[in-house]
Amino acid sequence: MKIVVQRVKSAAVTNDTIHNRISTGLCLLVGVAEGDTTADVEVLSKKIANARIFEDETGKLNLNIQQIKGEVLSISQFTLYADVRKGNRPGFSRAMSPDEANELYEQFNAALRNFDLQVETGAFGTDMLVDIQNDGPVTIIYESENGKIV
């Protein structure tokens, strides 16, 4: 699994209407690859829920999302597994099939909720517009293979 984590002042995902919106927190772009398992879900949800990427009273990145009572906007993003090595059109053969990917994506969101986080989502498998007010900006990529952070 590969997850792009953006610290945000606000974020929203829309298709024809606003689908979901959050205020201060994290916007997650979640990619699921062939071979990913619930072990990847568990290690990444724990790592992200505990990531100290919010500033404390001295301006240091010492607080996690739980400590600031932030929200999460989680958006499925198969294009994170684009293969651009050949030609000009990316290939997506490394991305997991939609049905299997959706199952792991939902498990990931449930795992985040187990950390008492408010998690909003995009609409899986649809075209969406994502509006992000990146804070910092702070953008970090987390990746897991075989249940281990890589």
C-alpha atoms as a PDB file:
ATOM      1  CA  MET A   1       0.000   0.000   0.000  1.00  0.00           C
ATOM      2  CA  LYS A   2       1.086   3.530  -0.676  1.00  0.00           C
ATOM      3  CA  ILE A   3      -0.477   6.512   1.072  1.00  0.00           C
ATOM      4  CA  VAL A   4       0.207  10.185   0.421  1.00  0.00           C
ATOM      5  CA  VAL A   5      -0.493  12.044   3.664  1.00  0.00           C
ATOM      6  CA  GLN A   6      -1.142  15.775   3.505  1.00  0.00           C
ATOM      7  CA  ARG A   7      -1.609  17.891   6.618  1.00  0.00           C
ATOM      8  CA  VAL A   8      -4.523  20.194   5.827  1.00  0.00           C
ATOM      9  CA  LYS A   9      -6.410  23.198   7.159  1.00  0.00           C
ATOM     10  CA  SER A  10      -9.400  21.845   5.211  1.00  0.00           C
ATOM     11  CA  ALA A  11     -10.173  19.362   2.458  1.00  0.00           C
ATOM     12  CA  ALA A  12     -13.217  18.359   0.458  1.00  0.00           C
ATOM     13  CA  VAL A  13     -14.023  15.780  -2.160  1.00  0.00           C
ATOM     14  CA  THR A  14     -16.838  16.315  -4.636  1.00  0.00           C
ATOM     15  CA  ASN A  15     -18.395  14.705  -7.637  1.00  0.00           C
ATOM     16  CA  ASP A  16     -21.597  16.542  -8.644  1.00  0.00           C
ATOM     17  CA  THR A  17     -22.084  17.825  -5.094  1.00  0.00           C
ATOM     18  CA  ILE A  18     -19.891  17.957  -2.012  1.00  0.00           C
ATOM     19  CA  HIS A  19     -19.417  14.351  -1.032  1.00  0.00           C
ATOM     20  CA  ASN A  20     -17.391  14.905   2.155  1.00  0.00           C
ATOM     21  CA  ARG A  21     -15.437  17.666   3.834  1.00  0.00           C
ATOM     22  CA  ILE A  22     -13.101  18.009   6.826  1.00  0.00           C
ATOM     23  CA  SER A  23     -11.475  20.853   8.687  1.00  0.00           C
ATOM     24  CA  THR A  24      -8.015  20.564  10.282  1.00  0.00           C
ATOM     25  CA  GLY A  25      -6.501  17.141   9.871  1.00  0.00           C
ATOM     26  CA  LEU A  26      -5.137  14.813   7.227  1.00  0.00           C
ATOM     27  CA  CYS A  27      -6.060  14.209   3.609  1.00  0.00           C
ATOM     28  CA  LEU A  28      -4.986  10.705   2.592  1.00  0.00           C
ATOM     29  CA  LEU A  29      -4.591   9.480  -0.979  1.00  0.00           C
ATOM     30  CA  VAL A  30      -4.680   5.689  -0.619  1.00  0.00           C
ATOM     31  CA  GLY A  31      -3.295   3.326  -3.245  1.00  0.00           C
ATOM     32  CA  VAL A  32      -3.664  -0.448  -2.987  1.00  0.00           C
ATOM     33  CA  ALA A  33      -1.311  -2.730  -4.944  1.00  0.00           C
ATOM     34  CA  GLU A  34      -1.529  -6.376  -5.976  1.00  0.00           C
ATOM     35  CA  GLY A  35      -0.341  -8.465  -3.046  1.00  0.00           C
ATOM     36  CA  ASP A  36      -1.353  -6.020  -0.310  1.00  0.00           C
ATOM     37  CA  THR A  37      -2.977  -7.599   2.746  1.00  0.00           C
ATOM     38  CA  THR A  38      -4.592  -6.725   6.054  1.00  0.00           C
ATOM     39  CA  ALA A  39      -1.060  -6.673   7.535  1.00  0.00           C
ATOM     40  CA  ASP A  40      -0.361  -3.606   5.364  1.00  0.00           C
ATOM     41  CA  VAL A  41      -3.639  -2.043   6.518  1.00  0.00           C
ATOM     42  CA  GLU A  42      -2.703  -2.547  10.172  1.00  0.00           C
ATOM     43  CA  VAL A  43       0.870  -1.251   9.974  1.00  0.00           C
ATOM     44  CA  LEU A  44      -0.061   1.837   7.932  1.00  0.00           C
ATOM     45  CA  SER A  45      -3.150   2.785   9.955  1.00  0.00           C
ATOM     46  CA  LYS A  46      -1.108   2.630  13.173  1.00  0.00           C
ATOM     47  CA  LYS A  47       1.801   4.571  11.660  1.00  0.00           C
ATOM     48  CA  ILE A  48      -0.455   7.333  10.302  1.00  0.00           C
ATOM     49  CA  ALA A  49      -2.648   7.611  13.413  1.00  0.00           C
ATOM     50  CA  ASN A  50       0.485   8.097  15.520  1.00  0.00           C
ATOM     51  CA  ALA A  51       2.462  10.276  13.085  1.00  0.00           C
ATOM     52  CA  ARG A  52       3.694  13.358  14.932  1.00  0.00           C
ATOM     53  CA  ILE A  53       3.259  15.893  12.123  1.00  0.00           C
ATOM     54  CA  PHE A  54       1.323  18.633  13.896  1.00  0.00           C
ATOM     55  CA  GLU A  55       3.001  21.485  15.734  1.00  0.00           C
ATOM     56  CA  ASP A  56       3.035  21.786  19.511  1.00  0.00           C
ATOM     57  CA  GLU A  57       3.048  25.108  21.401  1.00  0.00           C
ATOM     58  CA  THR A  58       6.767  25.588  20.589  1.00  0.00           C
ATOM     59  CA  GLY A  59       6.294  25.035  16.843  1.00  0.00           C
ATOM     60  CA  LYS A  60       7.857  21.553  16.777  1.00  0.00           C
ATOM     61  CA  LEU A  61       6.213  18.630  14.999  1.00  0.00           C
ATOM     62  CA  ASN A  62       5.363  16.703  18.176  1.00  0.00           C
ATOM     63  CA  LEU A  63       1.601  16.081  18.026  1.00  0.00           C
ATOM     64  CA  ASN A  64      -0.408  13.426  16.227  1.00  0.00           C
ATOM     65  CA  ILE A  65      -3.875  13.771  14.757  1.00  0.00           C
ATOM     66  CA  GLN A  66      -5.525  12.317  17.842  1.00  0.00           C
ATOM     67  CA  GLN A  67      -3.882  14.915  20.076  1.00  0.00           C
ATOM     68  CA  ILE A  68      -5.142  17.832  17.979  1.00  0.00           C
ATOM     69  CA  LYS A  69      -8.586  16.228  17.570  1.00  0.00           C
ATOM     70  CA  GLY A  70      -8.224  16.411  13.798  1.00  0.00           C
ATOM     71  CA  GLU A  71     -10.238  14.703  11.084  1.00  0.00           C
ATOM     72  CA  VAL A  72      -9.276  12.446   8.185  1.00  0.00           C
ATOM     73  CA  LEU A  73     -10.398  12.581   4.566  1.00  0.00           C
ATOM     74  CA  SER A  74      -9.435   9.268   2.935  1.00  0.00           C
ATOM     75  CA  ILE A  75      -9.576   9.009  -0.855  1.00  0.00           C
ATOM     76  CA  SER A  76      -8.897   5.895  -2.899  1.00  0.00           C
ATOM     77  CA  GLN A  77      -6.195   6.631  -5.493  1.00  0.00           C
ATOM     78  CA  PHE A  78      -5.189   3.718  -7.739  1.00  0.00           C
ATOM     79  CA  THR A  79      -3.056   6.060  -9.863  1.00  0.00           C
ATOM     80  CA  LEU A  80      -0.404   6.036  -7.110  1.00  0.00           C
ATOM     81  CA  TYR A  81       0.687   2.760  -8.704  1.00  0.00           C
ATOM     82  CA  ALA A  82       1.169   4.194 -12.186  1.00  0.00           C
ATOM     83  CA  ASP A  83       4.019   2.603 -14.123  1.00  0.00           C
ATOM     84  CA  VAL A  84       5.622   5.328 -16.240  1.00  0.00           C
ATOM     85  CA  ARG A  85       8.780   3.507 -17.306  1.00  0.00           C
ATOM     86  CA  LYS A  86       7.647   2.895 -20.900  1.00  0.00           C
ATOM     87  CA  GLY A  87       5.934   5.246 -23.323  1.00  0.00           C
ATOM     88  CA  ASN A  88       3.864   8.249 -22.409  1.00  0.00           C
ATOM     89  CA  ARG A  89       0.705   6.642 -21.090  1.00  0.00           C
ATOM     90  CA  PRO A  90       0.956   5.204 -17.571  1.00  0.00           C
ATOM     91  CA  GLY A  91       0.076   1.596 -16.939  1.00  0.00           C
ATOM     92  CA  PHE A  92      -1.753   0.467 -13.833  1.00  0.00           C
ATOM     93  CA  SER A  93      -1.073  -3.274 -13.743  1.00  0.00           C
ATOM     94  CA  ARG A  94       0.436  -3.020 -10.225  1.00  0.00           C
ATOM     95  CA  ALA A  95      -2.838  -1.641  -8.803  1.00  0.00           C
ATOM     96  CA  MET A  96      -5.128  -4.188  -7.188  1.00  0.00           C
ATOM     97  CA  SER A  97      -8.420  -5.028  -8.918  1.00  0.00           C
ATOM     98  CA  PRO A  98     -11.214  -2.640  -7.883  1.00  0.00           C
ATOM     99  CA  ASP A  99     -13.279  -5.110  -5.834  1.00  0.00           C
ATOM    100  CA  GLU A 100     -10.291  -6.349  -3.826  1.00  0.00           C
ATOM    101  CA  ALA A 101      -8.847  -2.836  -3.490  1.00  0.00           C
ATOM    102  CA  ASN A 102     -12.138  -1.465  -2.188  1.00  0.00           C
ATOM    103  CA  GLU A 103     -12.226  -4.165   0.490  1.00  0.00           C
ATOM    104  CA  LEU A 104      -8.736  -3.261   1.769  1.00  0.00           C
ATOM    105  CA  TYR A 105      -9.471   0.462   1.455  1.00  0.00           C
ATOM    106  CA  GLU A 106     -12.570   0.032   3.653  1.00  0.00           C
ATOM    107  CA  GLN A 107     -10.563  -2.058   6.133  1.00  0.00           C
ATOM    108  CA  PHE A 108      -7.958   0.721   6.269  1.00  0.00           C
ATOM    109  CA  ASN A 109     -10.631   3.339   7.021  1.00  0.00           C
ATOM    110  CA  ALA A 110     -12.130   1.090   9.719  1.00  0.00           C
ATOM    111  CA  ALA A 111      -8.669   0.599  11.246  1.00  0.00           C
ATOM    112  CA  LEU A 112      -8.225   4.387  11.439  1.00  0.00           C
ATOM    113  CA  ARG A 113     -11.632   4.676  13.122  1.00  0.00           C
ATOM    114  CA  ASN A 114     -10.415   2.174  15.723  1.00  0.00           C
ATOM    115  CA  PHE A 115      -7.990   4.924  16.806  1.00  0.00           C
ATOM    116  CA  ASP A 116     -11.057   7.087  17.587  1.00  0.00           C
ATOM    117  CA  LEU A 117     -10.532   9.183  14.465  1.00  0.00           C
ATOM    118  CA  GLN A 118     -13.325  10.834  12.481  1.00  0.00           C
ATOM    119  CA  VAL A 119     -12.798   9.441   8.957  1.00  0.00           C
ATOM    120  CA  GLU A 120     -14.639  10.769   5.908  1.00  0.00           C
ATOM    121  CA  THR A 121     -14.175   9.214   2.480  1.00  0.00           C
ATOM    122  CA  GLY A 122     -14.439   9.858  -1.198  1.00  0.00           C
ATOM    123  CA  ALA A 123     -16.656   7.749  -3.454  1.00  0.00           C
ATOM    124  CA  PHE A 124     -14.665   4.677  -4.446  1.00  0.00           C
ATOM    125  CA  GLY A 125     -14.221   4.196  -8.190  1.00  0.00           C
ATOM    126  CA  THR A 126     -15.658   7.534  -9.301  1.00  0.00           C
ATOM    127  CA  ASP A 127     -14.181  10.682 -10.788  1.00  0.00           C
ATOM    128  CA  MET A 128     -13.873  13.274  -8.052  1.00  0.00           C
ATOM    129  CA  LEU A 129     -12.532  16.743  -7.506  1.00  0.00           C
ATOM    130  CA  VAL A 130     -10.317  17.094  -4.438  1.00  0.00           C
ATOM    131  CA  ASP A 131      -9.933  20.507  -2.849  1.00  0.00           C
ATOM    132  CA  ILE A 132      -7.024  20.606  -0.392  1.00  0.00           C
ATOM    133  CA  GLN A 133      -5.735  23.503   1.669  1.00  0.00           C
ATOM    134  CA  ASN A 134      -2.338  21.977   2.429  1.00  0.00           C
ATOM    135  CA  ASP A 135      -0.963  23.178   5.781  1.00  0.00           C
ATOM    136  CA  GLY A 136       2.759  23.833   5.916  1.00  0.00           C
ATOM    137  CA  PRO A 137       2.824  22.365   3.356  1.00  0.00           C
ATOM    138  CA  VAL A 138       3.444  19.000   4.978  1.00  0.00           C
ATOM    139  CA  THR A 139       3.215  16.036   2.597  1.00  0.00           C
ATOM    140  CA  ILE A 140       4.632  12.618   3.507  1.00  0.00           C
ATOM    141  CA  ILE A 141       4.466   9.328   1.612  1.00  0.00           C
ATOM    142  CA  TYR A 142       4.007   6.121   3.618  1.00  0.00           C
ATOM    143  CA  GLU A 143       4.467   2.776   1.938  1.00  0.00           C
ATOM    144  CA  SER A 144       4.149  -0.795   3.133  1.00  0.00           C
ATOM    145  CA  GLU A 145       4.976  -4.169   1.599  1.00  0.00           C
ATOM    146  CA  ASN A 146       4.364  -7.505   3.271  1.00  0.00           C
ATOM    147  CA  GLY A 147       3.178  -5.779   6.448  1.00  0.00           C
ATOM    148  CA  LYS A 148       6.361  -3.718   6.867  1.00  0.00           C
ATOM    149  CA  ILE A 149       7.025  -0.020   6.296  1.00  0.00           C
ATOM    150  CA  VAL A 150       9.372   0.500   3.325  1.00  0.00           C
END
